[in-house]
Amino acid sequence: MLRNLNSEMSNDVAGVSRSVHRAACPLLDIPVGGTGFVPSVSFRRQLTVRKRKLKKAGVTFKWVAPQEMDEHVLKSQASLHQACWRTKATSSNFTVDQLDLHRKLVE
């Protein structure tokens, strides 16, 4: 079952699928350059504290454009996702067993 399948992708699976639910993803327009959007003092404080904790733990983030997604990135992402769910003592459906689906999504 593919929930919330967008109309562009539904053409690829039209013969073997049926829509069971449709929901629009909410969007928040955050203007660039600080115009219009002013986060609360509490929110800014939370961001500062969390950034400091992540930096201290050696965590860094890197944007990977869709065309740059490769096998290493997909496997790393699945591994990190599984590790996160293990710390919560629960399971997830995003495992290395589903990498074929994610490879197709990258295509």
PDB file of N, CA and C in Angstrom:
ATOM      1  N   MET A   1       0.840  -1.166   0.000  1.00  0.00           N
ATOM      2  CA  MET A   1       0.000   0.000   0.000  1.00  0.00           C
ATOM      3  C   MET A   1       0.890   1.236   0.000  1.00  0.00           C
ATOM      4  N   LEU A   2       0.641   2.116  -0.891  1.00  0.00           N
ATOM      5  CA  LEU A   2       1.391   3.366  -0.981  1.00  0.00           C
ATOM      6  C   LEU A   2       0.450   4.500  -0.620  1.00  0.00           C
ATOM      7  N   ARG A   3       0.559   4.973   0.597  1.00  0.00           N
ATOM      8  CA  ARG A   3      -0.307   6.057   1.053  1.00  0.00           C
ATOM      9  C   ARG A   3       0.154   7.382   0.445  1.00  0.00           C
ATOM     10  N   ASN A   4      -0.800   8.226   0.128  1.00  0.00           N
ATOM     11  CA  ASN A   4      -0.530   9.587  -0.343  1.00  0.00           C
ATOM     12  C   ASN A   4       0.350   9.621  -1.585  1.00  0.00           C
ATOM     13  N   LEU A   5       0.153   8.679  -2.477  1.00  0.00           N
ATOM     14  CA  LEU A   5       0.905   8.631  -3.727  1.00  0.00           C
ATOM     15  C   LEU A   5       0.521   9.832  -4.578  1.00  0.00           C
ATOM     16  N   ASN A   6       1.524  10.575  -5.021  1.00  0.00           N
ATOM     17  CA  ASN A   6       1.187  11.760  -5.808  1.00  0.00           C
ATOM     18  C   ASN A   6       0.776  11.367  -7.223  1.00  0.00           C
ATOM     19  N   SER A   7       0.122  12.271  -7.908  1.00  0.00           N
ATOM     20  CA  SER A   7      -0.445  11.957  -9.222  1.00  0.00           C
ATOM     21  C   SER A   7       0.621  11.630 -10.257  1.00  0.00           C
ATOM     22  N   GLU A   8       1.821  12.223 -10.156  1.00  0.00           N
ATOM     23  CA  GLU A   8       2.881  11.939 -11.120  1.00  0.00           C
ATOM     24  C   GLU A   8       3.345  10.494 -11.011  1.00  0.00           C
ATOM     25  N   MET A   9       3.485  10.002  -9.782  1.00  0.00           N
ATOM     26  CA  MET A   9       3.950   8.629  -9.586  1.00  0.00           C
ATOM     27  C   MET A   9       2.843   7.613  -9.828  1.00  0.00           C
ATOM     28  N   SER A  10       1.587   8.023  -9.656  1.00  0.00           N
ATOM     29  CA  SER A  10       0.500   7.064  -9.799  1.00  0.00           C
ATOM     30  C   SER A  10       0.408   6.514 -11.217  1.00  0.00           C
ATOM     31  N   ASN A  11       0.917   7.236 -12.208  1.00  0.00           N
ATOM     32  CA  ASN A  11       0.916   6.734 -13.582  1.00  0.00           C
ATOM     33  C   ASN A  11       1.766   5.476 -13.709  1.00  0.00           C
ATOM     34  N   ASP A  12       2.854   5.378 -12.918  1.00  0.00           N
ATOM     35  CA  ASP A  12       3.746   4.229 -12.997  1.00  0.00           C
ATOM     36  C   ASP A  12       3.134   2.968 -12.408  1.00  0.00           C
ATOM     37  N   VAL A  13       2.182   3.129 -11.490  1.00  0.00           N
ATOM     38  CA  VAL A  13       1.592   1.962 -10.838  1.00  0.00           C
ATOM     39  C   VAL A  13       0.083   1.903 -11.040  1.00  0.00           C
ATOM     40  N   ALA A  14      -0.398   2.585 -12.064  1.00  0.00           N
ATOM     41  CA  ALA A  14      -1.843   2.713 -12.278  1.00  0.00           C
ATOM     42  C   ALA A  14      -2.547   1.371 -12.423  1.00  0.00           C
ATOM     43  N   GLY A  15      -1.928   0.419 -13.075  1.00  0.00           N
ATOM     44  CA  GLY A  15      -2.587  -0.858 -13.304  1.00  0.00           C
ATOM     45  C   GLY A  15      -2.661  -1.742 -12.079  1.00  0.00           C
ATOM     46  N   VAL A  16      -1.854  -1.464 -11.082  1.00  0.00           N
ATOM     47  CA  VAL A  16      -1.803  -2.339  -9.909  1.00  0.00           C
ATOM     48  C   VAL A  16      -2.108  -1.596  -8.609  1.00  0.00           C
ATOM     49  N   SER A  17      -2.677  -0.408  -8.714  1.00  0.00           N
ATOM     50  CA  SER A  17      -2.918   0.357  -7.496  1.00  0.00           C
ATOM     51  C   SER A  17      -4.305   0.972  -7.498  1.00  0.00           C
ATOM     52  N   ARG A  18      -4.704   1.407  -6.310  1.00  0.00           N
ATOM     53  CA  ARG A  18      -5.928   2.190  -6.194  1.00  0.00           C
ATOM     54  C   ARG A  18      -5.733   3.173  -5.047  1.00  0.00           C
ATOM     55  N   SER A  19      -6.279   4.334  -5.175  1.00  0.00           N
ATOM     56  CA  SER A  19      -6.141   5.363  -4.157  1.00  0.00           C
ATOM     57  C   SER A  19      -7.044   5.029  -2.975  1.00  0.00           C
ATOM     58  N   VAL A  20      -6.483   5.058  -1.760  1.00  0.00           N
ATOM     59  CA  VAL A  20      -7.277   4.817  -0.560  1.00  0.00           C
ATOM     60  C   VAL A  20      -7.381   6.070   0.304  1.00  0.00           C
ATOM     61  N   HIS A  21      -6.490   7.019   0.067  1.00  0.00           N
ATOM     62  CA  HIS A  21      -6.499   8.254   0.849  1.00  0.00           C
ATOM     63  C   HIS A  21      -5.638   9.283   0.151  1.00  0.00           C
ATOM     64  N   ARG A  22      -6.027  10.525   0.238  1.00  0.00           N
ATOM     65  CA  ARG A  22      -5.228  11.597  -0.341  1.00  0.00           C
ATOM     66  C   ARG A  22      -5.174  12.727   0.673  1.00  0.00           C
ATOM     67  N   ALA A  23      -3.970  13.218   0.918  1.00  0.00           N
ATOM     68  CA  ALA A  23      -3.786  14.332   1.849  1.00  0.00           C
ATOM     69  C   ALA A  23      -2.705  15.253   1.309  1.00  0.00           C
ATOM     70  N   ALA A  24      -2.942  16.534   1.426  1.00  0.00           N
ATOM     71  CA  ALA A  24      -1.947  17.510   0.991  1.00  0.00           C
ATOM     72  C   ALA A  24      -0.954  17.741   2.124  1.00  0.00           C
ATOM     73  N   CYS A  25       0.305  17.798   1.775  1.00  0.00           N
ATOM     74  CA  CYS A  25       1.344  18.066   2.750  1.00  0.00           C
ATOM     75  C   CYS A  25       1.314  19.556   3.087  1.00  0.00           C
ATOM     76  N   PRO A  26       1.224  19.887   4.375  1.00  0.00           N
ATOM     77  CA  PRO A  26       1.208  21.318   4.714  1.00  0.00           C
ATOM     78  C   PRO A  26       2.560  21.957   4.434  1.00  0.00           C
ATOM     79  N   LEU A  27       2.541  23.183   3.971  1.00  0.00           N
ATOM     80  CA  LEU A  27       3.760  23.910   3.650  1.00  0.00           C
ATOM     81  C   LEU A  27       3.817  25.187   4.473  1.00  0.00           C
ATOM     82  N   LEU A  28       5.003  25.541   4.881  1.00  0.00           N
ATOM     83  CA  LEU A  28       5.219  26.791   5.597  1.00  0.00           C
ATOM     84  C   LEU A  28       6.221  27.599   4.800  1.00  0.00           C
ATOM     85  N   ASP A  29       5.800  28.758   4.378  1.00  0.00           N
ATOM     86  CA  ASP A  29       6.683  29.632   3.615  1.00  0.00           C
ATOM     87  C   ASP A  29       7.550  30.417   4.592  1.00  0.00           C
ATOM     88  N   ILE A  30       8.843  30.122   4.603  1.00  0.00           N
ATOM     89  CA  ILE A  30       9.781  30.837   5.463  1.00  0.00           C
ATOM     90  C   ILE A  30      10.632  31.713   4.559  1.00  0.00           C
ATOM     91  N   PRO A  31      10.390  33.017   4.591  1.00  0.00           N
ATOM     92  CA  PRO A  31      11.127  33.926   3.711  1.00  0.00           C
ATOM     93  C   PRO A  31      12.631  33.917   3.999  1.00  0.00           C
ATOM     94  N   VAL A  32      13.408  34.078   2.960  1.00  0.00           N
ATOM     95  CA  VAL A  32      14.855  34.145   3.086  1.00  0.00           C
ATOM     96  C   VAL A  32      15.257  35.553   3.492  1.00  0.00           C
ATOM     97  N   GLY A  33      16.297  35.660   4.292  1.00  0.00           N
ATOM     98  CA  GLY A  33      16.809  36.978   4.651  1.00  0.00           C
ATOM     99  C   GLY A  33      16.151  37.598   5.859  1.00  0.00           C
ATOM    100  N   GLY A  34      15.371  36.817   6.591  1.00  0.00           N
ATOM    101  CA  GLY A  34      14.800  37.313   7.831  1.00  0.00           C
ATOM    102  C   GLY A  34      13.575  38.188   7.677  1.00  0.00           C
ATOM    103  N   THR A  35      13.031  38.314   6.489  1.00  0.00           N
ATOM    104  CA  THR A  35      11.851  39.162   6.312  1.00  0.00           C
ATOM    105  C   THR A  35      10.590  38.359   6.586  1.00  0.00           C
ATOM    106  N   GLY A  36       9.744  38.876   7.429  1.00  0.00           N
ATOM    107  CA  GLY A  36       8.451  38.243   7.663  1.00  0.00           C
ATOM    108  C   GLY A  36       8.439  37.221   8.784  1.00  0.00           C
ATOM    109  N   PHE A  37       9.349  36.296   8.811  1.00  0.00           N
ATOM    110  CA  PHE A  37       9.338  35.213   9.796  1.00  0.00           C
ATOM    111  C   PHE A  37      10.279  35.545  10.948  1.00  0.00           C
ATOM    112  N   VAL A  38       9.739  35.567  12.150  1.00  0.00           N
ATOM    113  CA  VAL A  38      10.556  35.827  13.330  1.00  0.00           C
ATOM    114  C   VAL A  38      10.277  34.719  14.339  1.00  0.00           C
ATOM    115  N   PRO A  39      11.240  33.785  14.512  1.00  0.00           N
ATOM    116  CA  PRO A  39      11.013  32.708  15.475  1.00  0.00           C
ATOM    117  C   PRO A  39      11.008  33.254  16.905  1.00  0.00           C
ATOM    118  N   SER A  40      10.296  32.561  17.777  1.00  0.00           N
ATOM    119  CA  SER A  40      10.203  33.003  19.162  1.00  0.00           C
ATOM    120  C   SER A  40      11.556  32.879  19.862  1.00  0.00           C
ATOM    121  N   VAL A  41      11.695  33.570  20.968  1.00  0.00           N
ATOM    122  CA  VAL A  41      12.918  33.510  21.769  1.00  0.00           C
ATOM    123  C   VAL A  41      13.154  32.072  22.239  1.00  0.00           C
ATOM    124  N   SER A  42      12.102  31.409  22.658  1.00  0.00           N
ATOM    125  CA  SER A  42      12.209  30.024  23.135  1.00  0.00           C
ATOM    126  C   SER A  42      12.714  29.102  22.026  1.00  0.00           C
ATOM    127  N   PHE A  43      12.160  29.277  20.814  1.00  0.00           N
ATOM    128  CA  PHE A  43      12.572  28.448  19.685  1.00  0.00           C
ATOM    129  C   PHE A  43      14.038  28.688  19.331  1.00  0.00           C
ATOM    130  N   ARG A  44      14.450  29.956  19.320  1.00  0.00           N
ATOM    131  CA  ARG A  44      15.852  30.274  19.017  1.00  0.00           C
ATOM    132  C   ARG A  44      16.781  29.687  20.072  1.00  0.00           C
ATOM    133  N   ARG A  45      16.371  29.713  21.321  1.00  0.00           N
ATOM    134  CA  ARG A  45      17.163  29.140  22.401  1.00  0.00           C
ATOM    135  C   ARG A  45      17.298  27.616  22.217  1.00  0.00           C
ATOM    136  N   GLN A  46      16.185  26.967  21.878  1.00  0.00           N
ATOM    137  CA  GLN A  46      16.215  25.520  21.646  1.00  0.00           C
ATOM    138  C   GLN A  46      17.167  25.176  20.505  1.00  0.00           C
ATOM    139  N   LEU A  47      17.112  25.941  19.424  1.00  0.00           N
ATOM    140  CA  LEU A  47      18.002  25.688  18.295  1.00  0.00           C
ATOM    141  C   LEU A  47      19.466  25.828  18.700  1.00  0.00           C
ATOM    142  N   THR A  48      19.776  26.870  19.462  1.00  0.00           N
ATOM    143  CA  THR A  48      21.147  27.100  19.901  1.00  0.00           C
ATOM    144  C   THR A  48      21.644  25.941  20.756  1.00  0.00           C
ATOM    145  N   VAL A  49      20.833  25.503  21.706  1.00  0.00           N
ATOM    146  CA  VAL A  49      21.217  24.399  22.593  1.00  0.00           C
ATOM    147  C   VAL A  49      21.410  23.117  21.801  1.00  0.00           C
ATOM    148  N   ARG A  50      20.487  22.829  20.898  1.00  0.00           N
ATOM    149  CA  ARG A  50      20.580  21.583  20.122  1.00  0.00           C
ATOM    150  C   ARG A  50      21.761  21.605  19.163  1.00  0.00           C
ATOM    151  N   LYS A  51      22.018  22.753  18.542  1.00  0.00           N
ATOM    152  CA  LYS A  51      23.190  22.863  17.657  1.00  0.00           C
ATOM    153  C   LYS A  51      24.476  22.620  18.438  1.00  0.00           C
ATOM    154  N   ARG A  52      24.551  23.184  19.636  1.00  0.00           N
ATOM    155  CA  ARG A  52      25.744  23.013  20.473  1.00  0.00           C
ATOM    156  C   ARG A  52      25.932  21.534  20.852  1.00  0.00           C
ATOM    157  N   LYS A  53      24.842  20.862  21.222  1.00  0.00           N
ATOM    158  CA  LYS A  53      24.927  19.442  21.584  1.00  0.00           C
ATOM    159  C   LYS A  53      25.372  18.595  20.396  1.00  0.00           C
ATOM    160  N   LEU A  54      24.809  18.868  19.234  1.00  0.00           N
ATOM    161  CA  LEU A  54      25.179  18.114  18.042  1.00  0.00           C
ATOM    162  C   LEU A  54      26.635  18.348  17.677  1.00  0.00           C
ATOM    163  N   LYS A  55      27.073  19.593  17.760  1.00  0.00           N
ATOM    164  CA  LYS A  55      28.466  19.910  17.438  1.00  0.00           C
ATOM    165  C   LYS A  55      29.409  19.202  18.403  1.00  0.00           C
ATOM    166  N   LYS A  56      29.067  19.215  19.684  1.00  0.00           N
ATOM    167  CA  LYS A  56      29.886  18.554  20.698  1.00  0.00           C
ATOM    168  C   LYS A  56      29.957  17.044  20.458  1.00  0.00           C
ATOM    169  N   ALA A  57      28.861  16.471  19.953  1.00  0.00           N
ATOM    170  CA  ALA A  57      28.819  15.035  19.669  1.00  0.00           C
ATOM    171  C   ALA A  57      29.486  14.691  18.340  1.00  0.00           C
ATOM    172  N   GLY A  58      29.937  15.724  17.601  1.00  0.00           N
ATOM    173  CA  GLY A  58      30.610  15.477  16.329  1.00  0.00           C
ATOM    174  C   GLY A  58      29.668  15.245  15.166  1.00  0.00           C
ATOM    175  N   VAL A  59      28.411  15.638  15.320  1.00  0.00           N
ATOM    176  CA  VAL A  59      27.416  15.439  14.263  1.00  0.00           C
ATOM    177  C   VAL A  59      27.494  16.586  13.270  1.00  0.00           C
ATOM    178  N   THR A  60      27.537  16.232  11.999  1.00  0.00           N
ATOM    179  CA  THR A  60      27.488  17.231  10.935  1.00  0.00           C
ATOM    180  C   THR A  60      26.409  16.825   9.943  1.00  0.00           C
ATOM    181  N   PHE A  61      25.926  17.779   9.206  1.00  0.00           N
ATOM    182  CA  PHE A  61      24.906  17.530   8.200  1.00  0.00           C
ATOM    183  C   PHE A  61      25.420  17.949   6.838  1.00  0.00           C
ATOM    184  N   LYS A  62      25.024  17.188   5.825  1.00  0.00           N
ATOM    185  CA  LYS A  62      25.413  17.518   4.457  1.00  0.00           C
ATOM    186  C   LYS A  62      24.204  17.283   3.560  1.00  0.00           C
ATOM    187  N   TRP A  63      23.853  18.294   2.785  1.00  0.00           N
ATOM    188  CA  TRP A  63      22.754  18.156   1.834  1.00  0.00           C
ATOM    189  C   TRP A  63      23.217  17.300   0.665  1.00  0.00           C
ATOM    190  N   VAL A  64      22.435  16.295   0.329  1.00  0.00           N
ATOM    191  CA  VAL A  64      22.723  15.445  -0.821  1.00  0.00           C
ATOM    192  C   VAL A  64      21.574  15.631  -1.809  1.00  0.00           C
ATOM    193  N   ALA A  65      21.890  16.215  -2.949  1.00  0.00           N
ATOM    194  CA  ALA A  65      20.874  16.437  -3.981  1.00  0.00           C
ATOM    195  C   ALA A  65      20.404  15.092  -4.532  1.00  0.00           C
ATOM    196  N   PRO A  66      19.152  15.010  -4.981  1.00  0.00           N
ATOM    197  CA  PRO A  66      18.631  13.737  -5.488  1.00  0.00           C
ATOM    198  C   PRO A  66      19.521  13.080  -6.543  1.00  0.00           C
ATOM    199  N   GLN A  67      20.088  13.882  -7.442  1.00  0.00           N
ATOM    200  CA  GLN A  67      20.924  13.292  -8.496  1.00  0.00           C
ATOM    201  C   GLN A  67      22.251  12.760  -7.950  1.00  0.00           C
ATOM    202  N   GLU A  68      22.602  13.122  -6.718  1.00  0.00           N
ATOM    203  CA  GLU A  68      23.843  12.647  -6.104  1.00  0.00           C
ATOM    204  C   GLU A  68      23.631  11.440  -5.189  1.00  0.00           C
ATOM    205  N   MET A  69      22.389  11.024  -5.017  1.00  0.00           N
ATOM    206  CA  MET A  69      22.112   9.859  -4.178  1.00  0.00           C
ATOM    207  C   MET A  69      22.735   8.636  -4.832  1.00  0.00           C
ATOM    208  N   ASP A  70      23.496   7.883  -4.060  1.00  0.00           N
ATOM    209  CA  ASP A  70      24.098   6.664  -4.587  1.00  0.00           C
ATOM    210  C   ASP A  70      23.907   5.544  -3.568  1.00  0.00           C
ATOM    211  N   GLU A  71      24.452   4.392  -3.879  1.00  0.00           N
ATOM    212  CA  GLU A  71      24.282   3.205  -3.033  1.00  0.00           C
ATOM    213  C   GLU A  71      24.803   3.449  -1.614  1.00  0.00           C
ATOM    214  N   HIS A  72      25.936   4.095  -1.504  1.00  0.00           N
ATOM    215  CA  HIS A  72      26.527   4.353  -0.188  1.00  0.00           C
ATOM    216  C   HIS A  72      25.593   5.228   0.666  1.00  0.00           C
ATOM    217  N   VAL A  73      25.038   6.267   0.066  1.00  0.00           N
ATOM    218  CA  VAL A  73      24.138   7.165   0.793  1.00  0.00           C
ATOM    219  C   VAL A  73      22.878   6.414   1.220  1.00  0.00           C
ATOM    220  N   LEU A  74      22.301   5.635   0.318  1.00  0.00           N
ATOM    221  CA  LEU A  74      21.087   4.887   0.645  1.00  0.00           C
ATOM    222  C   LEU A  74      21.327   3.892   1.779  1.00  0.00           C
ATOM    223  N   LYS A  75      22.423   3.148   1.705  1.00  0.00           N
ATOM    224  CA  LYS A  75      22.716   2.167   2.759  1.00  0.00           C
ATOM    225  C   LYS A  75      23.010   2.847   4.087  1.00  0.00           C
ATOM    226  N   SER A  76      23.721   3.963   4.037  1.00  0.00           N
ATOM    227  CA  SER A  76      24.007   4.716   5.266  1.00  0.00           C
ATOM    228  C   SER A  76      22.724   5.229   5.889  1.00  0.00           C
ATOM    229  N   GLN A  77      21.837   5.740   5.057  1.00  0.00           N
ATOM    230  CA  GLN A  77      20.572   6.271   5.546  1.00  0.00           C
ATOM    231  C   GLN A  77      19.741   5.159   6.197  1.00  0.00           C
ATOM    232  N   ALA A  78      19.668   4.006   5.559  1.00  0.00           N
ATOM    233  CA  ALA A  78      18.917   2.882   6.121  1.00  0.00           C
ATOM    234  C   ALA A  78      19.536   2.427   7.442  1.00  0.00           C
ATOM    235  N   SER A  79      20.850   2.376   7.486  1.00  0.00           N
ATOM    236  CA  SER A  79      21.545   1.966   8.706  1.00  0.00           C
ATOM    237  C   SER A  79      21.297   2.939   9.857  1.00  0.00           C
ATOM    238  N   LEU A  80      21.408   4.232   9.586  1.00  0.00           N
ATOM    239  CA  LEU A  80      21.147   5.241  10.608  1.00  0.00           C
ATOM    240  C   LEU A  80      19.696   5.200  11.080  1.00  0.00           C
ATOM    241  N   HIS A  81      18.791   5.003  10.143  1.00  0.00           N
ATOM    242  CA  HIS A  81      17.373   4.932  10.480  1.00  0.00           C
ATOM    243  C   HIS A  81      17.111   3.743  11.410  1.00  0.00           C
ATOM    244  N   GLN A  82      17.669   2.595  11.077  1.00  0.00           N
ATOM    245  CA  GLN A  82      17.492   1.407  11.915  1.00  0.00           C
ATOM    246  C   GLN A  82      18.095   1.609  13.299  1.00  0.00           C
ATOM    247  N   ALA A  83      19.268   2.226  13.364  1.00  0.00           N
ATOM    248  CA  ALA A  83      19.905   2.479  14.656  1.00  0.00           C
ATOM    249  C   ALA A  83      19.031   3.383  15.519  1.00  0.00           C
ATOM    250  N   CYS A  84      18.426   4.378  14.913  1.00  0.00           N
ATOM    251  CA  CYS A  84      17.539   5.285  15.632  1.00  0.00           C
ATOM    252  C   CYS A  84      16.347   4.528  16.214  1.00  0.00           C
ATOM    253  N   TRP A  85      15.735   3.672  15.403  1.00  0.00           N
ATOM    254  CA  TRP A  85      14.570   2.925  15.874  1.00  0.00           C
ATOM    255  C   TRP A  85      14.958   1.907  16.937  1.00  0.00           C
ATOM    256  N   ARG A  86      16.161   1.338  16.851  1.00  0.00           N
ATOM    257  CA  ARG A  86      16.603   0.389  17.885  1.00  0.00           C
ATOM    258  C   ARG A  86      16.715   1.086  19.236  1.00  0.00           C
ATOM    259  N   THR A  87      17.180   2.334  19.245  1.00  0.00           N
ATOM    260  CA  THR A  87      17.299   3.060  20.517  1.00  0.00           C
ATOM    261  C   THR A  87      15.926   3.331  21.117  1.00  0.00           C
ATOM    262  N   LYS A  88      14.897   3.326  20.296  1.00  0.00           N
ATOM    263  CA  LYS A  88      13.536   3.535  20.789  1.00  0.00           C
ATOM    264  C   LYS A  88      12.856   2.203  21.116  1.00  0.00           C
ATOM    265  N   ALA A  89      13.607   1.108  20.954  1.00  0.00           N
ATOM    266  CA  ALA A  89      13.092  -0.241  21.232  1.00  0.00           C
ATOM    267  C   ALA A  89      11.831  -0.548  20.426  1.00  0.00           C
ATOM    268  N   THR A  90      11.858  -0.149  19.174  1.00  0.00           N
ATOM    269  CA  THR A  90      10.739  -0.446  18.279  1.00  0.00           C
ATOM    270  C   THR A  90      11.312  -0.725  16.888  1.00  0.00           C
ATOM    271  N   SER A  91      10.459  -0.990  15.938  1.00  0.00           N
ATOM    272  CA  SER A  91      10.956  -1.322  14.604  1.00  0.00           C
ATOM    273  C   SER A  91      10.403  -0.358  13.566  1.00  0.00           C
ATOM    274  N   SER A  92      10.985  -0.426  12.385  1.00  0.00           N
ATOM    275  CA  SER A  92      10.586   0.437  11.284  1.00  0.00           C
ATOM    276  C   SER A  92      10.496  -0.396  10.018  1.00  0.00           C
ATOM    277  N   ASN A  93       9.737   0.094   9.077  1.00  0.00           N
ATOM    278  CA  ASN A  93       9.636  -0.595   7.785  1.00  0.00           C
ATOM    279  C   ASN A  93      10.720  -0.167   6.817  1.00  0.00           C
ATOM    280  N   PHE A  94      11.522   0.825   7.176  1.00  0.00           N
ATOM    281  CA  PHE A  94      12.597   1.273   6.289  1.00  0.00           C
ATOM    282  C   PHE A  94      13.872   0.525   6.660  1.00  0.00           C
ATOM    283  N   THR A  95      14.121  -0.560   5.967  1.00  0.00           N
ATOM    284  CA  THR A  95      15.303  -1.377   6.209  1.00  0.00           C
ATOM    285  C   THR A  95      16.041  -1.574   4.892  1.00  0.00           C
ATOM    286  N   VAL A  96      17.189  -2.230   4.956  1.00  0.00           N
ATOM    287  CA  VAL A  96      17.932  -2.507   3.725  1.00  0.00           C
ATOM    288  C   VAL A  96      17.123  -3.382   2.774  1.00  0.00           C
ATOM    289  N   ASP A  97      16.128  -4.091   3.300  1.00  0.00           N
ATOM    290  CA  ASP A  97      15.262  -4.908   2.447  1.00  0.00           C
ATOM    291  C   ASP A  97      14.435  -4.053   1.483  1.00  0.00           C
ATOM    292  N   GLN A  98      14.220  -2.791   1.819  1.00  0.00           N
ATOM    293  CA  GLN A  98      13.433  -1.901   0.972  1.00  0.00           C
ATOM    294  C   GLN A  98      14.297  -0.998   0.093  1.00  0.00           C
ATOM    295  N   LEU A  99      15.587  -1.264   0.012  1.00  0.00           N
ATOM    296  CA  LEU A  99      16.463  -0.390  -0.776  1.00  0.00           C
ATOM    297  C   LEU A  99      16.105  -0.377  -2.259  1.00  0.00           C
ATOM    298  N   ASP A 100      15.569  -1.471  -2.788  1.00  0.00           N
ATOM    299  CA  ASP A 100      15.174  -1.464  -4.203  1.00  0.00           C
ATOM    300  C   ASP A 100      14.123  -0.386  -4.468  1.00  0.00           C
ATOM    301  N   LEU A 101      13.179  -0.223  -3.556  1.00  0.00           N
ATOM    302  CA  LEU A 101      12.172   0.824  -3.691  1.00  0.00           C
ATOM    303  C   LEU A 101      12.844   2.194  -3.705  1.00  0.00           C
ATOM    304  N   HIS A 102      13.782   2.415  -2.803  1.00  0.00           N
ATOM    305  CA  HIS A 102      14.443   3.713  -2.724  1.00  0.00           C
ATOM    306  C   HIS A 102      15.353   3.978  -3.930  1.00  0.00           C
ATOM    307  N   ARG A 103      15.926   2.926  -4.476  1.00  0.00           N
ATOM    308  CA  ARG A 103      16.711   3.087  -5.708  1.00  0.00           C
ATOM    309  C   ARG A 103      15.818   3.575  -6.843  1.00  0.00           C
ATOM    310  N   LYS A 104      14.618   3.008  -6.924  1.00  0.00           N
ATOM    311  CA  LYS A 104      13.662   3.412  -7.970  1.00  0.00           C
ATOM    312  C   LYS A 104      13.209   4.854  -7.744  1.00  0.00           C
ATOM    313  N   LEU A 105      13.021   5.243  -6.476  1.00  0.00           N
ATOM    314  CA  LEU A 105      12.637   6.618  -6.182  1.00  0.00           C
ATOM    315  C   LEU A 105      13.724   7.587  -6.592  1.00  0.00           C
ATOM    316  N   VAL A 106      14.972   7.201  -6.411  1.00  0.00           N
ATOM    317  CA  VAL A 106      16.093   8.051  -6.815  1.00  0.00           C
ATOM    318  C   VAL A 106      16.098   8.211  -8.338  1.00  0.00           C
ATOM    319  N   GLU A 107      15.822   7.123  -9.050  1.00  0.00           N
ATOM    320  CA  GLU A 107      15.758   7.194 -10.521  1.00  0.00           C
ATOM    321  C   GLU A 107      14.728   8.211 -10.969  1.00  0.00           C
TER     322      GLU A 107
END
